[in-house]
């Protein structure tokens, strides 16, 4: 069972990047999928998730309107299209599969949550700087 990420790197503020995560050993269609990110010294935070059976999509307030999550069942791959990038988007990004996902509020802002985590991919670094 693996989730192999790709697509991280350096982008300028206002630019775009697309992260991919290809699964092997299991089908992404059977799970909720999510993207999380972590900055050194801070807790990992949920960025976006896409439900398994209901197809619901959730975004954290910090990325809503700028990031788009999707999956390709035929390729068994999940994506995170990131646009209008900001320096504060700089982080290590992780893909994950879980039983379900949703959102909650922390400090007044909506954050994404994964429930029943099944598998994590290795992190990929995204740096937004001019």
C-alpha atoms as a PDB file:
ATOM      1  CA  UNK A   1       0.000   0.000   0.000  1.00  0.00           C
ATOM      2  CA  UNK A   2       1.516   3.278  -1.112  1.00  0.00           C
ATOM      3  CA  UNK A   3       0.650   6.871  -1.828  1.00  0.00           C
ATOM      4  CA  UNK A   4       3.392   8.453  -3.896  1.00  0.00           C
ATOM      5  CA  UNK A   5       3.309  12.234  -4.201  1.00  0.00           C
ATOM      6  CA  UNK A   6       4.738  14.453  -6.889  1.00  0.00           C
ATOM      7  CA  UNK A   7       4.526  18.042  -8.045  1.00  0.00           C
ATOM      8  CA  UNK A   8       5.952  20.030  -5.172  1.00  0.00           C
ATOM      9  CA  UNK A   9       8.532  22.727  -5.696  1.00  0.00           C
ATOM     10  CA  UNK A  10       9.006  26.461  -5.881  1.00  0.00           C
ATOM     11  CA  UNK A  11       6.349  28.869  -7.064  1.00  0.00           C
ATOM     12  CA  UNK A  12       6.125  32.644  -7.080  1.00  0.00           C
ATOM     13  CA  UNK A  13       3.398  34.451  -5.180  1.00  0.00           C
ATOM     14  CA  UNK A  14       0.310  34.471  -7.351  1.00  0.00           C
ATOM     15  CA  UNK A  15       1.501  31.419  -9.220  1.00  0.00           C
ATOM     16  CA  UNK A  16       0.172  27.884  -9.469  1.00  0.00           C
ATOM     17  CA  UNK A  17       1.264  24.354  -8.731  1.00  0.00           C
ATOM     18  CA  UNK A  18      -0.436  21.003  -9.024  1.00  0.00           C
ATOM     19  CA  UNK A  19       0.255  18.235  -6.569  1.00  0.00           C
ATOM     20  CA  UNK A  20      -0.439  14.627  -7.463  1.00  0.00           C
ATOM     21  CA  UNK A  21      -0.563  11.491  -5.382  1.00  0.00           C
ATOM     22  CA  UNK A  22      -0.783   8.074  -6.997  1.00  0.00           C
ATOM     23  CA  UNK A  23      -2.035   5.126  -4.992  1.00  0.00           C
ATOM     24  CA  UNK A  24      -0.982   1.518  -5.311  1.00  0.00           C
ATOM     25  CA  UNK A  25      -2.256  -1.497  -3.455  1.00  0.00           C
ATOM     26  CA  UNK A  26      -5.701  -0.025  -2.920  1.00  0.00           C
ATOM     27  CA  UNK A  27      -8.307   2.009  -4.768  1.00  0.00           C
ATOM     28  CA  UNK A  28      -8.695   5.686  -3.971  1.00  0.00           C
ATOM     29  CA  UNK A  29     -12.350   5.375  -4.973  1.00  0.00           C
ATOM     30  CA  UNK A  30     -12.979   3.358  -1.821  1.00  0.00           C
ATOM     31  CA  UNK A  31     -11.775   6.105   0.502  1.00  0.00           C
ATOM     32  CA  UNK A  32     -12.147   9.723   1.324  1.00  0.00           C
ATOM     33  CA  UNK A  33      -9.042  11.543   0.150  1.00  0.00           C
ATOM     34  CA  UNK A  34      -7.441  14.587   1.611  1.00  0.00           C
ATOM     35  CA  UNK A  35      -4.525  16.965   1.470  1.00  0.00           C
ATOM     36  CA  UNK A  36      -2.858  18.232   4.609  1.00  0.00           C
ATOM     37  CA  UNK A  37       0.071  20.542   5.213  1.00  0.00           C
ATOM     38  CA  UNK A  38       2.534  21.201   7.963  1.00  0.00           C
ATOM     39  CA  UNK A  39       4.900  24.018   8.756  1.00  0.00           C
ATOM     40  CA  UNK A  40       7.824  23.323  11.131  1.00  0.00           C
ATOM     41  CA  UNK A  41       6.759  23.942  14.695  1.00  0.00           C
ATOM     42  CA  UNK A  42       3.062  23.782  13.908  1.00  0.00           C
ATOM     43  CA  UNK A  43       0.497  21.021  13.834  1.00  0.00           C
ATOM     44  CA  UNK A  44      -0.490  19.396  10.580  1.00  0.00           C
ATOM     45  CA  UNK A  45      -3.630  21.014   9.208  1.00  0.00           C
ATOM     46  CA  UNK A  46      -6.226  19.756   6.796  1.00  0.00           C
ATOM     47  CA  UNK A  47      -6.409  21.725   3.573  1.00  0.00           C
ATOM     48  CA  UNK A  48      -9.019  19.921   1.557  1.00  0.00           C
ATOM     49  CA  UNK A  49     -10.826  16.609   1.357  1.00  0.00           C
ATOM     50  CA  UNK A  50     -13.187  14.765  -0.943  1.00  0.00           C
ATOM     51  CA  UNK A  51     -15.600  12.209   0.455  1.00  0.00           C
ATOM     52  CA  UNK A  52     -15.750   8.655  -0.808  1.00  0.00           C
ATOM     53  CA  UNK A  53     -19.384   7.774  -1.351  1.00  0.00           C
ATOM     54  CA  UNK A  54     -21.030  11.179  -1.040  1.00  0.00           C
ATOM     55  CA  UNK A  55     -18.515  13.123  -3.116  1.00  0.00           C
ATOM     56  CA  UNK A  56     -18.646  16.045  -0.718  1.00  0.00           C
ATOM     57  CA  UNK A  57     -15.718  18.443  -0.967  1.00  0.00           C
ATOM     58  CA  UNK A  58     -14.428  20.586   1.848  1.00  0.00           C
ATOM     59  CA  UNK A  59     -11.816  23.306   1.895  1.00  0.00           C
ATOM     60  CA  UNK A  60     -10.165  25.081   4.762  1.00  0.00           C
ATOM     61  CA  UNK A  61     -10.946  28.795   4.866  1.00  0.00           C
ATOM     62  CA  UNK A  62      -7.284  29.519   4.239  1.00  0.00           C
ATOM     63  CA  UNK A  63      -7.397  27.983   0.754  1.00  0.00           C
ATOM     64  CA  UNK A  64     -11.057  28.198  -0.233  1.00  0.00           C
ATOM     65  CA  UNK A  65     -11.425  29.622  -3.715  1.00  0.00           C
ATOM     66  CA  UNK A  66      -7.772  29.049  -4.559  1.00  0.00           C
ATOM     67  CA  UNK A  67      -7.236  25.286  -4.281  1.00  0.00           C
ATOM     68  CA  UNK A  68      -9.137  22.488  -6.029  1.00  0.00           C
ATOM     69  CA  UNK A  69      -9.106  18.833  -5.023  1.00  0.00           C
ATOM     70  CA  UNK A  70      -9.927  16.056  -7.451  1.00  0.00           C
ATOM     71  CA  UNK A  71      -9.302  12.410  -8.188  1.00  0.00           C
ATOM     72  CA  UNK A  72      -8.983  10.287 -11.281  1.00  0.00           C
ATOM     73  CA  UNK A  73     -10.278   6.779 -10.659  1.00  0.00           C
ATOM     74  CA  UNK A  74      -8.792   5.385 -13.835  1.00  0.00           C
ATOM     75  CA  UNK A  75      -5.332   6.623 -12.870  1.00  0.00           C
ATOM     76  CA  UNK A  76      -5.898   5.956  -9.158  1.00  0.00           C
ATOM     77  CA  UNK A  77      -4.473   9.403  -8.569  1.00  0.00           C
ATOM     78  CA  UNK A  78      -5.567  12.388  -6.510  1.00  0.00           C
ATOM     79  CA  UNK A  79      -4.710  15.990  -7.236  1.00  0.00           C
ATOM     80  CA  UNK A  80      -4.521  19.344  -5.552  1.00  0.00           C
ATOM     81  CA  UNK A  81      -4.519  22.270  -7.962  1.00  0.00           C
ATOM     82  CA  UNK A  82      -3.166  25.298  -6.148  1.00  0.00           C
ATOM     83  CA  UNK A  83      -3.609  28.765  -7.609  1.00  0.00           C
ATOM     84  CA  UNK A  84      -3.055  32.314  -6.415  1.00  0.00           C
ATOM     85  CA  UNK A  85      -0.375  30.963  -4.132  1.00  0.00           C
ATOM     86  CA  UNK A  86       0.723  32.993  -1.131  1.00  0.00           C
ATOM     87  CA  UNK A  87       3.938  32.809   0.899  1.00  0.00           C
ATOM     88  CA  UNK A  88       1.868  31.462   3.805  1.00  0.00           C
ATOM     89  CA  UNK A  89       1.047  28.408   1.666  1.00  0.00           C
ATOM     90  CA  UNK A  90       4.660  27.327   2.077  1.00  0.00           C
ATOM     91  CA  UNK A  91       4.610  23.969   3.835  1.00  0.00           C
ATOM     92  CA  UNK A  92       5.168  20.260   3.445  1.00  0.00           C
ATOM     93  CA  UNK A  93       2.036  18.844   1.866  1.00  0.00           C
ATOM     94  CA  UNK A  94       0.748  15.336   2.542  1.00  0.00           C
ATOM     95  CA  UNK A  95      -1.866  13.291   0.748  1.00  0.00           C
ATOM     96  CA  UNK A  96      -3.954  10.811   2.681  1.00  0.00           C
ATOM     97  CA  UNK A  97      -6.769   8.319   2.413  1.00  0.00           C
ATOM     98  CA  UNK A  98      -9.288   7.920   5.205  1.00  0.00           C
ATOM     99  CA  UNK A  99     -12.653   6.406   6.023  1.00  0.00           C
ATOM    100  CA  UNK A 100     -14.385   9.753   5.920  1.00  0.00           C
ATOM    101  CA  UNK A 101     -13.704  13.456   6.209  1.00  0.00           C
ATOM    102  CA  UNK A 102     -15.376  16.677   7.176  1.00  0.00           C
ATOM    103  CA  UNK A 103     -14.649  20.016   8.756  1.00  0.00           C
ATOM    104  CA  UNK A 104     -14.692  21.829  12.038  1.00  0.00           C
ATOM    105  CA  UNK A 105     -13.896  25.274  13.290  1.00  0.00           C
ATOM    106  CA  UNK A 106     -10.749  26.235  15.121  1.00  0.00           C
ATOM    107  CA  UNK A 107     -10.085  29.771  16.212  1.00  0.00           C
ATOM    108  CA  UNK A 108     -13.048  30.899  14.116  1.00  0.00           C
ATOM    109  CA  UNK A 109     -11.713  29.440  10.889  1.00  0.00           C
ATOM    110  CA  UNK A 110     -12.886  26.317   9.122  1.00  0.00           C
ATOM    111  CA  UNK A 111     -10.349  23.499   8.972  1.00  0.00           C
ATOM    112  CA  UNK A 112     -10.605  20.115   7.317  1.00  0.00           C
ATOM    113  CA  UNK A 113     -10.534  16.866   9.255  1.00  0.00           C
ATOM    114  CA  UNK A 114      -9.878  13.275   8.254  1.00  0.00           C
ATOM    115  CA  UNK A 115     -11.478  10.435  10.224  1.00  0.00           C
ATOM    116  CA  UNK A 116     -10.237   6.879  10.366  1.00  0.00           C
ATOM    117  CA  UNK A 117      -6.949   7.596   8.636  1.00  0.00           C
ATOM    118  CA  UNK A 118      -5.951   4.688   6.426  1.00  0.00           C
ATOM    119  CA  UNK A 119      -2.718   5.720   4.781  1.00  0.00           C
ATOM    120  CA  UNK A 120      -0.484   8.765   4.418  1.00  0.00           C
ATOM    121  CA  UNK A 121       1.781   9.650   1.559  1.00  0.00           C
ATOM    122  CA  UNK A 122       5.230  11.075   2.107  1.00  0.00           C
ATOM    123  CA  UNK A 123       5.374  14.821   2.271  1.00  0.00           C
ATOM    124  CA  UNK A 124       6.239  17.048  -0.645  1.00  0.00           C
ATOM    125  CA  UNK A 125       7.612  20.525  -0.069  1.00  0.00           C
ATOM    126  CA  UNK A 126       5.877  23.536  -1.563  1.00  0.00           C
ATOM    127  CA  UNK A 127       7.721  26.836  -1.316  1.00  0.00           C
ATOM    128  CA  UNK A 128       6.091  30.083  -2.351  1.00  0.00           C
ATOM    129  CA  UNK A 129       8.605  32.877  -2.655  1.00  0.00           C
ATOM    130  CA  UNK A 130       9.686  35.540  -5.115  1.00  0.00           C
END
